[in-house]
Amino acid sequence: MNKDSQSKIVKVDPKVPLTIEQVVQVARYLFRVELKPEAIEKISTSRKYLEAKIKDGQVMYGINTGFGALANVSVNSEELSQ
């Protein structure tokens, strides 16, 4: 990877908040995102937590329901797997 392409990377570290500038760099300018191992571990832990809650049938706003006016609409398990 050359020096120019290395500068177009946003590094995600769970100990350091993302800046608005970094979000814009990824969203508008398609910078690559690099996750530190600690970030990957936190994502994995969160996913396992959510999957366990879903398996237990717990309702979680925005996870297995719609948003806003659709908050009372459940999302079926087939749609959740998407």
C-alpha atoms as a PDB file:
ATOM      1  CA  MET A   1       0.000   0.000   0.000  1.00  0.00           C
ATOM      2  CA  ASN A   2       1.477   3.355  -0.938  1.00  0.00           C
ATOM      3  CA  LYS A   3       1.649   6.409   1.328  1.00  0.00           C
ATOM      4  CA  ASP A   4      -1.322   8.151  -0.354  1.00  0.00           C
ATOM      5  CA  SER A   5      -3.663   5.189   0.087  1.00  0.00           C
ATOM      6  CA  GLN A   6      -2.591   4.794   3.741  1.00  0.00           C
ATOM      7  CA  SER A   7      -3.739   8.347   4.447  1.00  0.00           C
ATOM      8  CA  LYS A   8      -7.248   7.434   3.268  1.00  0.00           C
ATOM      9  CA  ILE A   9      -7.962   5.143   6.205  1.00  0.00           C
ATOM     10  CA  VAL A  10     -10.055   5.859   9.280  1.00  0.00           C
ATOM     11  CA  LYS A  11      -8.824   3.748  12.179  1.00  0.00           C
ATOM     12  CA  VAL A  12     -11.499   2.755  14.692  1.00  0.00           C
ATOM     13  CA  ASP A  13     -10.314   2.390  18.267  1.00  0.00           C
ATOM     14  CA  PRO A  14     -13.019   1.852  20.921  1.00  0.00           C
ATOM     15  CA  LYS A  15     -10.978   3.960  23.346  1.00  0.00           C
ATOM     16  CA  VAL A  16     -11.054   7.016  21.051  1.00  0.00           C
ATOM     17  CA  PRO A  17     -14.358   8.546  19.869  1.00  0.00           C
ATOM     18  CA  LEU A  18     -14.827   9.021  16.138  1.00  0.00           C
ATOM     19  CA  THR A  19     -14.892  12.614  14.991  1.00  0.00           C
ATOM     20  CA  ILE A  20     -17.471  14.124  12.667  1.00  0.00           C
ATOM     21  CA  GLU A  21     -14.629  14.626  10.194  1.00  0.00           C
ATOM     22  CA  GLN A  22     -13.859  10.877  10.222  1.00  0.00           C
ATOM     23  CA  VAL A  23     -17.513   9.991   9.634  1.00  0.00           C
ATOM     24  CA  VAL A  24     -17.629  12.414   6.694  1.00  0.00           C
ATOM     25  CA  GLN A  25     -14.392  10.959   5.302  1.00  0.00           C
ATOM     26  CA  VAL A  26     -15.942   7.485   5.248  1.00  0.00           C
ATOM     27  CA  ALA A  27     -19.444   8.507   4.143  1.00  0.00           C
ATOM     28  CA  ARG A  28     -18.581  11.074   1.476  1.00  0.00           C
ATOM     29  CA  TYR A  29     -15.051  10.301   0.399  1.00  0.00           C
ATOM     30  CA  LEU A  30     -15.102   6.519   0.796  1.00  0.00           C
ATOM     31  CA  PHE A  31     -12.105   6.293   3.109  1.00  0.00           C
ATOM     32  CA  ARG A  32     -11.350   2.732   4.182  1.00  0.00           C
ATOM     33  CA  VAL A  33     -12.182   1.737   7.750  1.00  0.00           C
ATOM     34  CA  GLU A  34      -9.655  -0.203   9.784  1.00  0.00           C
ATOM     35  CA  LEU A  35     -10.868  -1.789  13.023  1.00  0.00           C
ATOM     36  CA  LYS A  36      -8.460  -2.366  15.881  1.00  0.00           C
ATOM     37  CA  PRO A  37      -8.728  -5.859  17.416  1.00  0.00           C
ATOM     38  CA  GLU A  38     -10.379  -4.333  20.508  1.00  0.00           C
ATOM     39  CA  ALA A  39     -13.117  -2.856  18.303  1.00  0.00           C
ATOM     40  CA  ILE A  40     -13.741  -6.215  16.637  1.00  0.00           C
ATOM     41  CA  GLU A  41     -13.995  -7.861  20.056  1.00  0.00           C
ATOM     42  CA  LYS A  42     -16.543  -5.288  21.262  1.00  0.00           C
ATOM     43  CA  ILE A  43     -18.613  -5.704  18.084  1.00  0.00           C
ATOM     44  CA  SER A  44     -18.594  -9.488  18.507  1.00  0.00           C
ATOM     45  CA  THR A  45     -19.618  -9.221  22.169  1.00  0.00           C
ATOM     46  CA  SER A  46     -22.477  -6.851  21.297  1.00  0.00           C
ATOM     47  CA  ARG A  47     -23.699  -9.114  18.509  1.00  0.00           C
ATOM     48  CA  LYS A  48     -23.739 -12.154  20.819  1.00  0.00           C
ATOM     49  CA  TYR A  49     -25.699 -10.131  23.390  1.00  0.00           C
ATOM     50  CA  LEU A  50     -28.301  -9.058  20.811  1.00  0.00           C
ATOM     51  CA  GLU A  51     -28.606 -12.546  19.339  1.00  0.00           C
ATOM     52  CA  ALA A  52     -29.260 -13.987  22.816  1.00  0.00           C
ATOM     53  CA  LYS A  53     -31.959 -11.373  23.497  1.00  0.00           C
ATOM     54  CA  ILE A  54     -33.613 -12.075  20.137  1.00  0.00           C
ATOM     55  CA  LYS A  55     -33.500 -15.821  20.768  1.00  0.00           C
ATOM     56  CA  ASP A  56     -35.207 -15.235  24.145  1.00  0.00           C
ATOM     57  CA  GLY A  57     -37.962 -13.304  22.351  1.00  0.00           C
ATOM     58  CA  GLN A  58     -37.173  -9.927  23.872  1.00  0.00           C
ATOM     59  CA  VAL A  59     -38.457  -6.915  21.959  1.00  0.00           C
ATOM     60  CA  MET A  60     -35.796  -4.292  21.291  1.00  0.00           C
ATOM     61  CA  TYR A  61     -36.659  -1.020  19.603  1.00  0.00           C
ATOM     62  CA  GLY A  62     -34.981  -0.718  16.208  1.00  0.00           C
ATOM     63  CA  ILE A  63     -33.488  -4.200  16.386  1.00  0.00           C
ATOM     64  CA  ASN A  64     -36.541  -6.404  15.986  1.00  0.00           C
ATOM     65  CA  THR A  65     -39.105  -3.602  15.650  1.00  0.00           C
ATOM     66  CA  GLY A  66     -39.547  -0.776  13.217  1.00  0.00           C
ATOM     67  CA  PHE A  67     -38.593   2.824  14.000  1.00  0.00           C
ATOM     68  CA  GLY A  68     -40.748   5.823  14.919  1.00  0.00           C
ATOM     69  CA  ALA A  69     -44.366   5.291  13.910  1.00  0.00           C
ATOM     70  CA  LEU A  70     -43.507   1.645  13.151  1.00  0.00           C
ATOM     71  CA  ALA A  71     -42.084   0.979  16.627  1.00  0.00           C
ATOM     72  CA  ASN A  72     -44.965  -1.379  17.389  1.00  0.00           C
ATOM     73  CA  VAL A  73     -44.371  -3.406  14.219  1.00  0.00           C
ATOM     74  CA  SER A  74     -42.308  -6.536  14.792  1.00  0.00           C
ATOM     75  CA  VAL A  75     -39.649  -7.621  12.344  1.00  0.00           C
ATOM     76  CA  ASN A  76     -39.870 -11.362  11.685  1.00  0.00           C
ATOM     77  CA  SER A  77     -36.889 -13.661  12.154  1.00  0.00           C
ATOM     78  CA  GLU A  78     -36.383 -14.128   8.393  1.00  0.00           C
ATOM     79  CA  GLU A  79     -36.029 -10.365   7.951  1.00  0.00           C
ATOM     80  CA  LEU A  80     -33.673 -10.136  10.947  1.00  0.00           C
ATOM     81  CA  SER A  81     -31.227 -12.496   9.273  1.00  0.00           C
ATOM     82  CA  GLN A  82     -30.815 -10.025   6.395  1.00  0.00           C
END
